[in-house]
Each structure stands twice: as structure tokens, then as C-alpha cells.
Amino acid sequence: RFVSPVRFGDTIHTELTVTEKKESKKPDRGIANFAVAVLNQNG
């Protein structure tokens, strides 16, 4: 979801939060969900 415009000169960083983990039917793998937030220089 694109929340706000990013202008030339804005400085961004990304935050990933682990929100869910699910076992897979195959024992050698699993599924992880990450909430993603991209924030500008003003937070």
C-alpha cells in the first residue's frame, strides 16, 4: 500500500517485522510473514 509520496531528496529506510511463522509440509522449509514499512526521514 503506497501511503505517501516520496519526493526527490527524501531519505528512506525499511523496517521488517516478523509477524507469523508457519511450518511447511516439507521438513526442510518454512514460511515467514513480515510486516514491511518504508519510512522517510521524518519517520
All heavy atoms as atom14 arrays in JSON, in Angstrom:
{
  "sequence": "RFVSPVRFGDTIHTELTVTEKKESKKPDRGIANFAVAVLNQNG",
  "atom14_mask": [
    [1, 1, 1, 1, 1, 1, 1, 1, 1, 1, 1, 0, 0, 0],
    [1, 1, 1, 1, 1, 1, 1, 1, 1, 1, 1, 0, 0, 0],
    [1, 1, 1, 1, 1, 1, 1, 0, 0, 0, 0, 0, 0, 0],
    [1, 1, 1, 1, 1, 1, 0, 0, 0, 0, 0, 0, 0, 0],
    [1, 1, 1, 1, 1, 1, 1, 0, 0, 0, 0, 0, 0, 0],
    [1, 1, 1, 1, 1, 1, 1, 0, 0, 0, 0, 0, 0, 0],
    [1, 1, 1, 1, 1, 1, 1, 1, 1, 1, 1, 0, 0, 0],
    [1, 1, 1, 1, 1, 1, 1, 1, 1, 1, 1, 0, 0, 0],
    [1, 1, 1, 1, 0, 0, 0, 0, 0, 0, 0, 0, 0, 0],
    [1, 1, 1, 1, 1, 1, 1, 1, 0, 0, 0, 0, 0, 0],
    [1, 1, 1, 1, 1, 1, 1, 0, 0, 0, 0, 0, 0, 0],
    [1, 1, 1, 1, 1, 1, 1, 1, 0, 0, 0, 0, 0, 0],
    [1, 1, 1, 1, 1, 1, 1, 1, 1, 1, 0, 0, 0, 0],
    [1, 1, 1, 1, 1, 1, 1, 0, 0, 0, 0, 0, 0, 0],
    [1, 1, 1, 1, 1, 1, 1, 1, 1, 0, 0, 0, 0, 0],
    [1, 1, 1, 1, 1, 1, 1, 1, 0, 0, 0, 0, 0, 0],
    [1, 1, 1, 1, 1, 1, 1, 0, 0, 0, 0, 0, 0, 0],
    [1, 1, 1, 1, 1, 1, 1, 0, 0, 0, 0, 0, 0, 0],
    [1, 1, 1, 1, 1, 1, 1, 0, 0, 0, 0, 0, 0, 0],
    [1, 1, 1, 1, 1, 1, 1, 1, 1, 0, 0, 0, 0, 0],
    [1, 1, 1, 1, 1, 1, 1, 1, 1, 0, 0, 0, 0, 0],
    [1, 1, 1, 1, 1, 1, 1, 1, 1, 0, 0, 0, 0, 0],
    [1, 1, 1, 1, 1, 1, 1, 1, 1, 0, 0, 0, 0, 0],
    [1, 1, 1, 1, 1, 1, 0, 0, 0, 0, 0, 0, 0, 0],
    [1, 1, 1, 1, 1, 1, 1, 1, 1, 0, 0, 0, 0, 0],
    [1, 1, 1, 1, 1, 1, 1, 1, 1, 0, 0, 0, 0, 0],
    [1, 1, 1, 1, 1, 1, 1, 0, 0, 0, 0, 0, 0, 0],
    [1, 1, 1, 1, 1, 1, 1, 1, 0, 0, 0, 0, 0, 0],
    [1, 1, 1, 1, 1, 1, 1, 1, 1, 1, 1, 0, 0, 0],
    [1, 1, 1, 1, 0, 0, 0, 0, 0, 0, 0, 0, 0, 0],
    [1, 1, 1, 1, 1, 1, 1, 1, 0, 0, 0, 0, 0, 0],
    [1, 1, 1, 1, 1, 0, 0, 0, 0, 0, 0, 0, 0, 0],
    [1, 1, 1, 1, 1, 1, 1, 1, 0, 0, 0, 0, 0, 0],
    [1, 1, 1, 1, 1, 1, 1, 1, 1, 1, 1, 0, 0, 0],
    [1, 1, 1, 1, 1, 0, 0, 0, 0, 0, 0, 0, 0, 0],
    [1, 1, 1, 1, 1, 1, 1, 0, 0, 0, 0, 0, 0, 0],
    [1, 1, 1, 1, 1, 0, 0, 0, 0, 0, 0, 0, 0, 0],
    [1, 1, 1, 1, 1, 1, 1, 0, 0, 0, 0, 0, 0, 0],
    [1, 1, 1, 1, 1, 1, 1, 1, 0, 0, 0, 0, 0, 0],
    [1, 1, 1, 1, 1, 1, 1, 1, 0, 0, 0, 0, 0, 0],
    [1, 1, 1, 1, 1, 1, 1, 1, 1, 0, 0, 0, 0, 0],
    [1, 1, 1, 1, 1, 1, 1, 1, 0, 0, 0, 0, 0, 0],
    [1, 1, 1, 1, 0, 0, 0, 0, 0, 0, 0, 0, 0, 0]
  ],
  "atom14_positions": [
    [[0.87, -1.18, 0.0], [0.0, 0.0, 0.0], [0.9, 1.22, 0.0], [1.76, 1.38, 0.87], [-0.9, 0.0, 1.23], [-2.03, 1.02, 1.15], [-3.08, 0.77, 2.21], [-2.8, 1.42, 3.46], [-3.04, 2.7, 3.72], [-3.57, 3.47, 2.8], [-2.76, 3.21, 4.88], [0.0, 0.0, 0.0], [0.0, 0.0, 0.0], [0.0, 0.0, 0.0]],
    [[0.73, 2.06, -1.01], [1.51, 3.28, -1.12], [0.79, 4.36, -0.31], [-0.29, 4.81, -0.69], [1.67, 3.68, -2.59], [2.37, 2.61, -3.4], [1.65, 1.75, -4.21], [3.74, 2.44, -3.3], [2.29, 0.76, -4.94], [4.39, 1.45, -4.02], [3.66, 0.61, -4.84], [0.0, 0.0, 0.0], [0.0, 0.0, 0.0], [0.0, 0.0, 0.0]],
    [[1.39, 4.75, 0.81], [0.74, 5.6, 1.8], [0.96, 7.08, 1.53], [0.03, 7.89, 1.65], [1.23, 5.23, 3.22], [0.58, 6.1, 4.28], [0.97, 3.76, 3.5], [0.0, 0.0, 0.0], [0.0, 0.0, 0.0], [0.0, 0.0, 0.0], [0.0, 0.0, 0.0], [0.0, 0.0, 0.0], [0.0, 0.0, 0.0], [0.0, 0.0, 0.0]],
    [[2.19, 7.45, 1.19], [2.54, 8.85, 0.96], [3.55, 8.94, -0.17], [4.33, 8.01, -0.38], [3.17, 9.47, 2.22], [2.24, 9.55, 3.26], [0.0, 0.0, 0.0], [0.0, 0.0, 0.0], [0.0, 0.0, 0.0], [0.0, 0.0, 0.0], [0.0, 0.0, 0.0], [0.0, 0.0, 0.0], [0.0, 0.0, 0.0], [0.0, 0.0, 0.0]],
    [[3.57, 10.08, -0.87], [4.54, 10.22, -1.96], [5.97, 10.35, -1.43], [6.2, 10.81, -0.32], [4.11, 11.52, -2.65], [3.37, 12.29, -1.61], [2.73, 11.26, -0.72], [0.0, 0.0, 0.0], [0.0, 0.0, 0.0], [0.0, 0.0, 0.0], [0.0, 0.0, 0.0], [0.0, 0.0, 0.0], [0.0, 0.0, 0.0], [0.0, 0.0, 0.0]],
    [[6.9, 9.92, -2.26], [8.32, 10.08, -1.97], [8.85, 11.1, -2.98], [8.73, 10.91, -4.19], [9.07, 8.74, -2.09], [10.58, 8.94, -1.94], [8.55, 7.75, -1.05], [0.0, 0.0, 0.0], [0.0, 0.0, 0.0], [0.0, 0.0, 0.0], [0.0, 0.0, 0.0], [0.0, 0.0, 0.0], [0.0, 0.0, 0.0], [0.0, 0.0, 0.0]],
    [[9.43, 12.15, -2.46], [9.95, 13.23, -3.3], [11.45, 13.08, -3.49], [12.13, 12.44, -2.69], [9.63, 14.58, -2.67], [8.12, 14.76, -2.51], [7.75, 16.14, -2.0], [6.3, 16.23, -1.86], [5.44, 16.4, -2.86], [5.89, 16.54, -4.09], [4.15, 16.48, -2.63], [0.0, 0.0, 0.0], [0.0, 0.0, 0.0], [0.0, 0.0, 0.0]],
    [[11.96, 13.69, -4.54], [13.39, 13.7, -4.77], [14.04, 14.33, -3.54], [13.59, 15.36, -3.05], [13.74, 14.53, -6.0], [13.13, 14.03, -7.3], [12.23, 12.98, -7.33], [13.45, 14.63, -8.48], [11.67, 12.54, -8.52], [12.9, 14.21, -9.69], [12.02, 13.16, -9.7], [0.0, 0.0, 0.0], [0.0, 0.0, 0.0], [0.0, 0.0, 0.0]],
    [[15.07, 13.68, -3.03], [15.75, 14.18, -1.84], [15.26, 13.56, -0.55], [15.9, 13.72, 0.5], [0.0, 0.0, 0.0], [0.0, 0.0, 0.0], [0.0, 0.0, 0.0], [0.0, 0.0, 0.0], [0.0, 0.0, 0.0], [0.0, 0.0, 0.0], [0.0, 0.0, 0.0], [0.0, 0.0, 0.0], [0.0, 0.0, 0.0], [0.0, 0.0, 0.0]],
    [[14.13, 12.83, -0.58], [13.68, 12.12, 0.62], [14.64, 10.96, 0.89], [15.16, 10.34, -0.04], [12.26, 11.57, 0.45], [11.17, 12.6, 0.66], [11.49, 13.74, 1.04], [10.0, 12.26, 0.43], [0.0, 0.0, 0.0], [0.0, 0.0, 0.0], [0.0, 0.0, 0.0], [0.0, 0.0, 0.0], [0.0, 0.0, 0.0], [0.0, 0.0, 0.0]],
    [[14.84, 10.68, 2.15], [15.71, 9.58, 2.57], [14.84, 8.53, 3.23], [14.1, 8.83, 4.18], [16.79, 10.09, 3.54], [17.58, 11.08, 2.85], [17.69, 8.95, 4.0], [0.0, 0.0, 0.0], [0.0, 0.0, 0.0], [0.0, 0.0, 0.0], [0.0, 0.0, 0.0], [0.0, 0.0, 0.0], [0.0, 0.0, 0.0], [0.0, 0.0, 0.0]],
    [[14.9, 7.31, 2.71], [14.04, 6.24, 3.19], [14.85, 5.11, 3.82], [16.01, 4.9, 3.5], [13.15, 5.66, 2.07], [14.01, 5.06, 0.95], [12.2, 6.74, 1.53], [13.24, 4.2, -0.03], [0.0, 0.0, 0.0], [0.0, 0.0, 0.0], [0.0, 0.0, 0.0], [0.0, 0.0, 0.0], [0.0, 0.0, 0.0], [0.0, 0.0, 0.0]],
    [[14.2, 4.4, 4.72], [14.73, 3.14, 5.24], [13.54, 2.2, 5.39], [12.38, 2.62, 5.34], [15.49, 3.32, 6.56], [14.62, 3.57, 7.75], [14.16, 4.82, 8.09], [14.11, 2.72, 8.68], [13.41, 4.74, 9.17], [13.36, 3.46, 9.55], [0.0, 0.0, 0.0], [0.0, 0.0, 0.0], [0.0, 0.0, 0.0], [0.0, 0.0, 0.0]],
    [[13.85, 0.92, 5.57], [12.81, -0.11, 5.62], [12.89, -0.86, 6.93], [13.98, -1.14, 7.42], [12.99, -1.08, 4.43], [12.94, -0.33, 3.21], [11.92, -2.15, 4.41], [0.0, 0.0, 0.0], [0.0, 0.0, 0.0], [0.0, 0.0, 0.0], [0.0, 0.0, 0.0], [0.0, 0.0, 0.0], [0.0, 0.0, 0.0], [0.0, 0.0, 0.0]],
    [[11.72, -1.15, 7.48], [11.63, -1.96, 8.69], [10.8, -3.2, 8.39], [9.71, -3.1, 7.83], [10.98, -1.16, 9.83], [11.82, 0.02, 10.26], [11.18, 0.86, 11.35], [10.01, 0.58, 11.73], [11.84, 1.81, 11.82], [0.0, 0.0, 0.0], [0.0, 0.0, 0.0], [0.0, 0.0, 0.0], [0.0, 0.0, 0.0], [0.0, 0.0, 0.0]],
    [[11.33, -4.36, 8.75], [10.64, -5.63, 8.56], [10.41, -6.24, 9.93], [11.35, -6.38, 10.71], [11.48, -6.59, 7.72], [11.78, -6.14, 6.31], [13.18, -5.55, 6.25], [11.67, -7.3, 5.37], [0.0, 0.0, 0.0], [0.0, 0.0, 0.0], [0.0, 0.0, 0.0], [0.0, 0.0, 0.0], [0.0, 0.0, 0.0], [0.0, 0.0, 0.0]],
    [[9.16, -6.6, 10.21], [8.8, -7.21, 11.48], [8.26, -8.61, 11.22], [7.34, -8.78, 10.41], [7.74, -6.37, 12.22], [8.23, -5.04, 12.36], [7.42, -6.97, 13.58], [0.0, 0.0, 0.0], [0.0, 0.0, 0.0], [0.0, 0.0, 0.0], [0.0, 0.0, 0.0], [0.0, 0.0, 0.0], [0.0, 0.0, 0.0], [0.0, 0.0, 0.0]],
    [[8.82, -9.59, 11.91], [8.34, -10.97, 11.77], [6.98, -11.06, 12.46], [6.88, -10.84, 13.66], [9.33, -11.98, 12.39], [8.84, -13.41, 12.17], [10.73, -11.79, 11.85], [0.0, 0.0, 0.0], [0.0, 0.0, 0.0], [0.0, 0.0, 0.0], [0.0, 0.0, 0.0], [0.0, 0.0, 0.0], [0.0, 0.0, 0.0], [0.0, 0.0, 0.0]],
    [[5.93, -11.37, 11.69], [4.57, -11.39, 12.25], [3.97, -12.79, 12.35], [3.03, -13.01, 13.11], [3.62, -10.53, 11.4], [3.61, -11.02, 10.06], [4.03, -9.07, 11.44], [0.0, 0.0, 0.0], [0.0, 0.0, 0.0], [0.0, 0.0, 0.0], [0.0, 0.0, 0.0], [0.0, 0.0, 0.0], [0.0, 0.0, 0.0], [0.0, 0.0, 0.0]],
    [[4.49, -13.73, 11.56], [3.91, -15.07, 11.58], [4.93, -16.06, 11.03], [5.73, -15.71, 10.14], [2.64, -15.11, 10.72], [1.88, -16.4, 10.76], [0.59, -16.36, 9.94], [0.2, -15.29, 9.44], [-0.02, -17.43, 9.81], [0.0, 0.0, 0.0], [0.0, 0.0, 0.0], [0.0, 0.0, 0.0], [0.0, 0.0, 0.0], [0.0, 0.0, 0.0]],
    [[4.9, -17.26, 11.56], [5.73, -18.36, 11.05], [4.85, -19.59, 10.94], [4.08, -19.88, 11.86], [6.9, -18.64, 11.99], [7.95, -17.54, 12.01], [9.01, -17.79, 13.06], [9.75, -19.07, 12.82], [10.88, -19.29, 13.75], [0.0, 0.0, 0.0], [0.0, 0.0, 0.0], [0.0, 0.0, 0.0], [0.0, 0.0, 0.0], [0.0, 0.0, 0.0]],
    [[4.96, -20.28, 9.79], [4.16, -21.49, 9.58], [5.08, -22.61, 9.15], [5.93, -22.43, 8.28], [3.11, -21.25, 8.5], [2.04, -20.24, 8.86], [1.07, -20.05, 7.73], [1.58, -18.92, 6.88], [0.71, -18.43, 5.85], [0.0, 0.0, 0.0], [0.0, 0.0, 0.0], [0.0, 0.0, 0.0], [0.0, 0.0, 0.0], [0.0, 0.0, 0.0]],
    [[4.86, -23.77, 9.75], [5.58, -24.96, 9.34], [5.11, -25.34, 7.94], [3.98, -25.07, 7.55], [5.26, -26.11, 10.3], [5.54, -25.81, 11.76], [6.94, -26.18, 12.18], [7.54, -27.07, 11.54], [7.44, -25.57, 13.14], [0.0, 0.0, 0.0], [0.0, 0.0, 0.0], [0.0, 0.0, 0.0], [0.0, 0.0, 0.0], [0.0, 0.0, 0.0]],
    [[5.98, -25.97, 7.2], [5.63, -26.46, 5.87], [5.39, -27.96, 5.94], [5.82, -28.62, 6.89], [6.78, -26.15, 4.91], [6.57, -26.77, 3.67], [0.0, 0.0, 0.0], [0.0, 0.0, 0.0], [0.0, 0.0, 0.0], [0.0, 0.0, 0.0], [0.0, 0.0, 0.0], [0.0, 0.0, 0.0], [0.0, 0.0, 0.0], [0.0, 0.0, 0.0]],
    [[4.73, -28.49, 4.93], [4.56, -29.95, 4.85], [5.92, -30.62, 4.66], [6.1, -31.77, 5.04], [3.64, -30.31, 3.69], [2.2, -29.88, 3.91], [1.35, -30.21, 2.71], [-0.05, -29.66, 2.9], [-0.89, -29.84, 1.72], [0.0, 0.0, 0.0], [0.0, 0.0, 0.0], [0.0, 0.0, 0.0], [0.0, 0.0, 0.0], [0.0, 0.0, 0.0]],
    [[6.84, -29.88, 4.07], [8.18, -30.42, 3.85], [9.06, -29.97, 5.02], [9.12, -28.79, 5.34], [8.74, -29.94, 2.52], [7.91, -30.44, 1.34], [8.53, -30.06, 0.03], [7.69, -30.63, -1.11], [8.27, -30.34, -2.41], [0.0, 0.0, 0.0], [0.0, 0.0, 0.0], [0.0, 0.0, 0.0], [0.0, 0.0, 0.0], [0.0, 0.0, 0.0]],
    [[9.76, -30.88, 5.65], [10.52, -30.55, 6.87], [11.73, -29.66, 6.65], [12.28, -29.14, 7.61], [10.93, -31.93, 7.4], [10.94, -32.81, 6.21], [9.85, -32.3, 5.3], [0.0, 0.0, 0.0], [0.0, 0.0, 0.0], [0.0, 0.0, 0.0], [0.0, 0.0, 0.0], [0.0, 0.0, 0.0], [0.0, 0.0, 0.0], [0.0, 0.0, 0.0]],
    [[12.13, -29.45, 5.41], [13.33, -28.66, 5.15], [13.04, -27.18, 4.88], [13.92, -26.42, 4.52], [14.11, -29.24, 3.97], [13.34, -29.19, 2.65], [12.09, -29.07, 2.69], [13.98, -29.27, 1.59], [0.0, 0.0, 0.0], [0.0, 0.0, 0.0], [0.0, 0.0, 0.0], [0.0, 0.0, 0.0], [0.0, 0.0, 0.0], [0.0, 0.0, 0.0]],
    [[11.77, -26.75, 5.11], [11.4, -25.36, 4.83], [10.26, -24.89, 5.71], [9.54, -25.68, 6.3], [11.05, -25.18, 3.36], [9.85, -26.01, 2.93], [9.72, -26.11, 1.44], [10.77, -26.97, 0.93], [10.99, -27.21, -0.35], [10.23, -26.69, -1.26], [11.98, -28.01, -0.72], [0.0, 0.0, 0.0], [0.0, 0.0, 0.0], [0.0, 0.0, 0.0]],
    [[10.1, -23.57, 5.77], [9.0, -22.96, 6.5], [8.65, -21.62, 5.86], [9.4, -21.09, 5.04], [0.0, 0.0, 0.0], [0.0, 0.0, 0.0], [0.0, 0.0, 0.0], [0.0, 0.0, 0.0], [0.0, 0.0, 0.0], [0.0, 0.0, 0.0], [0.0, 0.0, 0.0], [0.0, 0.0, 0.0], [0.0, 0.0, 0.0], [0.0, 0.0, 0.0]],
    [[7.51, -21.07, 6.26], [7.01, -19.82, 5.7], [7.01, -18.76, 6.8], [6.45, -18.99, 7.88], [5.56, -19.97, 5.16], [5.43, -21.19, 4.24], [5.1, -18.69, 4.49], [6.23, -21.13, 2.98], [0.0, 0.0, 0.0], [0.0, 0.0, 0.0], [0.0, 0.0, 0.0], [0.0, 0.0, 0.0], [0.0, 0.0, 0.0], [0.0, 0.0, 0.0]],
    [[7.59, -17.61, 6.5], [7.6, -16.49, 7.45], [6.94, -15.27, 6.81], [7.17, -15.0, 5.62], [9.02, -16.15, 7.88], [0.0, 0.0, 0.0], [0.0, 0.0, 0.0], [0.0, 0.0, 0.0], [0.0, 0.0, 0.0], [0.0, 0.0, 0.0], [0.0, 0.0, 0.0], [0.0, 0.0, 0.0], [0.0, 0.0, 0.0], [0.0, 0.0, 0.0]],
    [[6.1, -14.6, 7.59], [5.46, -13.37, 7.14], [6.15, -12.19, 7.81], [6.44, -12.23, 9.01], [3.98, -13.36, 7.52], [3.18, -14.42, 6.81], [3.7, -15.46, 6.43], [1.9, -14.18, 6.65], [0.0, 0.0, 0.0], [0.0, 0.0, 0.0], [0.0, 0.0, 0.0], [0.0, 0.0, 0.0], [0.0, 0.0, 0.0], [0.0, 0.0, 0.0]],
    [[6.35, -11.13, 7.02], [6.99, -9.92, 7.52], [6.09, -8.72, 7.24], [5.68, -8.51, 6.09], [8.33, -9.68, 6.82], [9.35, -10.75, 7.08], [9.37, -11.91, 6.32], [10.28, -10.61, 8.09], [10.31, -12.91, 6.56], [11.22, -11.6, 8.34], [11.23, -12.75, 7.58], [0.0, 0.0, 0.0], [0.0, 0.0, 0.0], [0.0, 0.0, 0.0]],
    [[5.78, -7.94, 8.27], [5.15, -6.64, 8.05], [6.27, -5.72, 7.58], [7.35, -5.69, 8.18], [4.53, -6.12, 9.34], [0.0, 0.0, 0.0], [0.0, 0.0, 0.0], [0.0, 0.0, 0.0], [0.0, 0.0, 0.0], [0.0, 0.0, 0.0], [0.0, 0.0, 0.0], [0.0, 0.0, 0.0], [0.0, 0.0, 0.0], [0.0, 0.0, 0.0]],
    [[6.01, -5.0, 6.51], [7.03, -4.13, 5.92], [6.56, -2.69, 5.99], [5.42, -2.38, 5.62], [7.3, -4.53, 4.45], [8.32, -3.6, 3.82], [7.77, -5.98, 4.38], [0.0, 0.0, 0.0], [0.0, 0.0, 0.0], [0.0, 0.0, 0.0], [0.0, 0.0, 0.0], [0.0, 0.0, 0.0], [0.0, 0.0, 0.0], [0.0, 0.0, 0.0]],
    [[7.44, -1.83, 6.48], [7.16, -0.4, 6.5], [8.37, 0.32, 5.93], [9.5, 0.08, 6.34], [6.89, 0.08, 7.92], [0.0, 0.0, 0.0], [0.0, 0.0, 0.0], [0.0, 0.0, 0.0], [0.0, 0.0, 0.0], [0.0, 0.0, 0.0], [0.0, 0.0, 0.0], [0.0, 0.0, 0.0], [0.0, 0.0, 0.0], [0.0, 0.0, 0.0]],
    [[8.12, 1.19, 4.95], [9.16, 2.06, 4.43], [8.86, 3.45, 4.98], [7.73, 3.94, 4.86], [9.17, 2.07, 2.89], [10.27, 2.99, 2.36], [9.33, 0.65, 2.35], [0.0, 0.0, 0.0], [0.0, 0.0, 0.0], [0.0, 0.0, 0.0], [0.0, 0.0, 0.0], [0.0, 0.0, 0.0], [0.0, 0.0, 0.0], [0.0, 0.0, 0.0]],
    [[9.86, 4.02, 5.62], [9.67, 5.32, 6.28], [10.62, 6.36, 5.7], [11.74, 6.02, 5.3], [9.93, 5.19, 7.79], [8.96, 4.23, 8.49], [9.63, 2.89, 8.71], [8.48, 4.8, 9.77], [0.0, 0.0, 0.0], [0.0, 0.0, 0.0], [0.0, 0.0, 0.0], [0.0, 0.0, 0.0], [0.0, 0.0, 0.0], [0.0, 0.0, 0.0]],
    [[10.16, 7.62, 5.69], [11.02, 8.69, 5.21], [11.84, 9.27, 6.36], [11.79, 8.78, 7.49], [10.2, 9.76, 4.47], [9.24, 10.51, 5.37], [9.34, 10.49, 6.61], [8.27, 11.19, 4.76], [0.0, 0.0, 0.0], [0.0, 0.0, 0.0], [0.0, 0.0, 0.0], [0.0, 0.0, 0.0], [0.0, 0.0, 0.0], [0.0, 0.0, 0.0]],
    [[12.56, 10.33, 6.07], [13.46, 10.94, 7.05], [12.73, 11.52, 8.25], [13.34, 11.75, 9.3], [14.32, 12.03, 6.39], [13.56, 13.24, 5.88], [12.93, 13.05, 4.5], [13.01, 11.98, 3.91], [12.29, 14.1, 4.01], [0.0, 0.0, 0.0], [0.0, 0.0, 0.0], [0.0, 0.0, 0.0], [0.0, 0.0, 0.0], [0.0, 0.0, 0.0]],
    [[11.43, 11.71, 8.15], [10.62, 12.23, 9.26], [9.94, 11.12, 10.05], [9.12, 11.39, 10.93], [9.57, 13.21, 8.74], [10.21, 14.38, 8.02], [11.21, 14.94, 8.48], [9.66, 14.75, 6.87], [0.0, 0.0, 0.0], [0.0, 0.0, 0.0], [0.0, 0.0, 0.0], [0.0, 0.0, 0.0], [0.0, 0.0, 0.0], [0.0, 0.0, 0.0]],
    [[10.24, 9.87, 9.69], [9.62, 8.73, 10.36], [8.21, 8.46, 9.89], [7.49, 7.68, 10.51], [0.0, 0.0, 0.0], [0.0, 0.0, 0.0], [0.0, 0.0, 0.0], [0.0, 0.0, 0.0], [0.0, 0.0, 0.0], [0.0, 0.0, 0.0], [0.0, 0.0, 0.0], [0.0, 0.0, 0.0], [0.0, 0.0, 0.0], [0.0, 0.0, 0.0]]
  ]
}
